[in-house]
Amino acid sequence: MKKYALTMGFGLFLLSCSEHKPIVFSNDLEPHNWTNLVTIKNRPNAHSGATVSISDSTNPYSLCFNSHLAELGENVHAITYSYWVMVKNPEINVVSVFSIEKAGKCLHWQGPEEGVKLKVLNQWVQVVETFEIPKGTEPDAEIKLYALNKSKDEVLYDDFEVKVN
């Protein structure tokens, strides 16, 4: 019986080790560990916590996730980017942007031309996009993910998450 229990325990251990778990980076705008921190402001209507990232006519970019590909792990083939957004105007156009840069030069830029037209006003809506990593991207290339506000009106963002696939 003791042998059986040890064998089962070892088998379960091996099974748990072989499971592929995605790497997830998240930011609810409380631990300020991303870039473009000038967009972070206290707001009572945050999705969670007390702060949000704000884009407007002065700064059209949200908080930005920024990492070298090598830091994301081996065999990364895609990245899923999600965040919560609130708008007050139905004409606002928010674009999720994925870019790859190296030595200050943009090697790849991807974002839908039209972006996301949000039909729900004054409520938090989740946006989720998945971007493929181009084959041959070098490990020292810098990955950037952010939201671009193509209007002049204020847009609120919160609870960013980057999942490495």
Protein backbone atom coordinates (compact mmCIF):
# COMPACT_ATOMS: atom_id res chain seq x y z
CA MET A 1 0.00 0.00 0.00
CA LYS A 2 2.87 2.33 0.83
CA LYS A 3 4.44 1.68 -2.60
CA TYR A 4 1.12 2.45 -4.30
CA ALA A 5 0.77 5.78 -2.46
CA LEU A 6 4.35 6.78 -3.31
CA THR A 7 3.87 5.81 -6.97
CA MET A 8 0.62 7.79 -7.19
CA GLY A 9 2.18 10.81 -5.47
CA PHE A 10 5.18 10.77 -7.81
CA GLY A 11 2.88 10.40 -10.84
CA LEU A 12 0.78 13.37 -9.76
CA PHE A 13 3.97 15.38 -9.21
CA LEU A 14 5.18 14.60 -12.73
CA LEU A 15 1.78 15.44 -14.18
CA SER A 16 1.74 18.84 -12.47
CA CYS A 17 5.26 19.60 -13.72
CA SER A 18 4.35 18.91 -17.35
CA GLU A 19 1.40 21.32 -17.40
CA HIS A 20 2.10 24.43 -19.50
CA LYS A 21 0.98 27.49 -17.57
CA PRO A 22 0.83 30.83 -19.38
CA ILE A 23 2.88 33.76 -18.15
CA VAL A 24 0.59 36.61 -17.16
CA PHE A 25 1.50 40.24 -16.47
CA SER A 26 -1.29 42.32 -15.02
CA ASN A 27 -1.66 45.84 -13.73
CA ASP A 28 -4.71 47.25 -11.99
CA LEU A 29 -2.91 50.60 -11.91
CA GLU A 30 -2.01 50.31 -8.25
CA PRO A 31 1.52 48.80 -8.61
CA HIS A 32 3.04 51.31 -11.04
CA ASN A 33 5.41 49.02 -12.92
CA TRP A 34 4.72 49.82 -16.59
CA THR A 35 5.61 52.86 -18.74
CA ASN A 36 3.70 56.05 -19.64
CA LEU A 37 2.91 56.61 -15.98
CA VAL A 38 1.85 60.23 -16.67
CA THR A 39 -1.54 58.83 -17.72
CA ILE A 40 -2.34 57.51 -14.22
CA LYS A 41 -4.83 59.58 -12.21
CA ASN A 42 -7.01 59.03 -9.13
CA ARG A 43 -10.67 58.58 -10.05
CA PRO A 44 -13.59 57.47 -7.88
CA ASN A 45 -15.07 55.49 -10.80
CA ALA A 46 -12.04 53.23 -11.40
CA HIS A 47 -12.85 49.66 -12.47
CA SER A 48 -10.84 48.46 -9.48
CA GLY A 49 -8.74 50.30 -6.94
CA ALA A 50 -8.52 54.09 -6.97
CA THR A 51 -6.58 54.94 -10.14
CA VAL A 52 -7.05 54.71 -13.91
CA SER A 53 -4.98 55.45 -16.99
CA ILE A 54 -6.40 58.37 -18.99
CA SER A 55 -5.87 59.27 -22.63
CA ASP A 56 -7.12 62.47 -24.24
CA SER A 57 -6.11 65.20 -26.71
CA THR A 58 -2.88 65.89 -24.79
CA ASN A 59 -1.77 62.26 -24.42
CA PRO A 60 -3.46 59.79 -26.80
CA TYR A 61 -1.69 56.71 -25.34
CA SER A 62 -2.70 54.57 -22.37
CA LEU A 63 -0.34 52.95 -19.93
CA CYS A 64 2.12 50.81 -21.94
CA PHE A 65 3.36 47.27 -21.34
CA ASN A 66 7.02 47.08 -22.32
CA SER A 67 9.27 43.98 -22.28
CA HIS A 68 11.99 42.27 -24.28
CA LEU A 69 10.79 39.09 -26.00
CA ALA A 70 13.40 36.99 -24.13
CA GLU A 71 11.91 38.12 -20.80
CA LEU A 72 8.53 36.68 -21.80
CA GLY A 73 9.81 33.11 -22.01
CA GLU A 74 10.81 30.61 -24.67
CA ASN A 75 8.71 29.69 -27.72
CA VAL A 76 6.34 32.64 -27.38
CA HIS A 77 4.05 32.64 -30.41
CA ALA A 78 1.25 35.01 -29.38
CA ILE A 79 0.25 37.56 -26.77
CA THR A 80 -3.27 38.19 -25.54
CA TYR A 81 -3.78 41.76 -24.36
CA SER A 82 -6.83 42.82 -22.37
CA TYR A 83 -7.97 45.89 -20.51
CA TRP A 84 -11.14 47.59 -19.33
CA VAL A 85 -12.18 50.85 -20.96
CA MET A 86 -14.83 53.51 -20.29
CA VAL A 87 -15.92 56.18 -22.77
CA LYS A 88 -18.45 59.03 -22.64
CA ASN A 89 -18.86 59.58 -26.37
CA PRO A 90 -20.00 56.93 -28.92
CA GLU A 91 -17.67 58.40 -31.57
CA ILE A 92 -14.53 57.52 -29.61
CA ASN A 93 -12.27 55.08 -31.43
CA VAL A 94 -9.87 53.03 -29.25
CA VAL A 95 -7.16 50.94 -30.94
CA SER A 96 -5.17 48.18 -29.22
CA VAL A 97 -1.59 48.49 -30.46
CA PHE A 98 1.13 45.83 -30.60
CA SER A 99 4.58 46.95 -31.69
CA ILE A 100 8.04 45.44 -31.83
CA GLU A 101 11.06 47.74 -31.67
CA LYS A 102 14.81 47.32 -31.64
CA ALA A 103 17.43 50.02 -31.16
CA GLY A 104 14.76 52.72 -31.38
CA LYS A 105 13.46 51.45 -34.72
CA CYS A 106 9.93 50.09 -35.22
CA LEU A 107 10.14 46.61 -36.78
CA HIS A 108 6.45 45.72 -36.55
CA TRP A 109 3.27 47.68 -35.77
CA GLN A 110 -0.17 46.16 -35.58
CA GLY A 111 -3.49 47.66 -34.63
CA PRO A 112 -6.88 47.57 -36.29
CA GLU A 113 -7.50 50.55 -38.59
CA GLU A 114 -10.94 51.21 -37.17
CA GLY A 115 -10.27 50.12 -33.63
CA VAL A 116 -13.04 49.33 -31.19
CA LYS A 117 -16.24 51.37 -31.38
CA LEU A 118 -17.76 51.13 -27.93
CA LYS A 119 -21.53 51.31 -27.93
CA VAL A 120 -21.86 51.25 -24.15
CA LEU A 121 -21.30 54.66 -22.59
CA ASN A 122 -20.21 55.47 -19.02
CA GLN A 123 -19.70 51.79 -18.17
CA TRP A 124 -16.60 49.62 -18.04
CA VAL A 125 -16.22 47.31 -21.08
CA GLN A 126 -13.48 44.72 -21.50
CA VAL A 127 -11.38 44.71 -24.68
CA VAL A 128 -9.41 41.55 -25.55
CA GLU A 129 -7.02 41.24 -28.52
CA THR A 130 -4.57 38.48 -29.48
CA PHE A 131 -1.46 39.34 -31.48
CA GLU A 132 0.84 36.83 -33.18
CA ILE A 133 4.60 37.25 -32.72
CA PRO A 134 6.17 37.32 -36.22
CA LYS A 135 8.51 34.40 -36.88
CA GLY A 136 12.16 35.38 -36.67
CA THR A 137 11.63 38.09 -34.04
CA GLU A 138 14.90 38.36 -32.16
CA PRO A 139 14.92 37.75 -28.38
CA ASP A 140 16.29 41.23 -27.65
CA ALA A 141 13.45 42.94 -29.55
CA GLU A 142 11.21 45.07 -27.37
CA ILE A 143 7.50 44.23 -27.23
CA LYS A 144 5.07 47.09 -26.53
CA LEU A 145 1.31 46.92 -25.95
CA TYR A 146 -0.93 49.91 -25.34
CA ALA A 147 -4.25 51.46 -26.30
CA LEU A 148 -4.41 54.45 -28.65
CA ASN A 149 -7.23 56.98 -28.39
CA LYS A 150 -7.87 58.30 -31.92
CA SER A 151 -10.23 61.01 -30.66
CA LYS A 152 -9.71 64.12 -28.54
CA ASP A 153 -12.16 63.07 -25.83
CA GLU A 154 -11.13 61.52 -22.53
CA VAL A 155 -10.94 57.71 -22.29
CA LEU A 156 -10.42 55.79 -19.04
CA TYR A 157 -8.51 52.46 -18.87
CA ASP A 158 -8.00 50.02 -16.01
CA ASP A 159 -6.97 46.45 -15.16
CA PHE A 160 -4.53 45.72 -17.97
CA GLU A 161 -3.44 42.11 -18.53
CA VAL A 162 -0.88 40.58 -20.88
CA LYS A 163 -0.98 36.79 -21.28
CA VAL A 164 1.92 35.10 -23.06
CA ASN A 165 0.88 32.12 -25.22
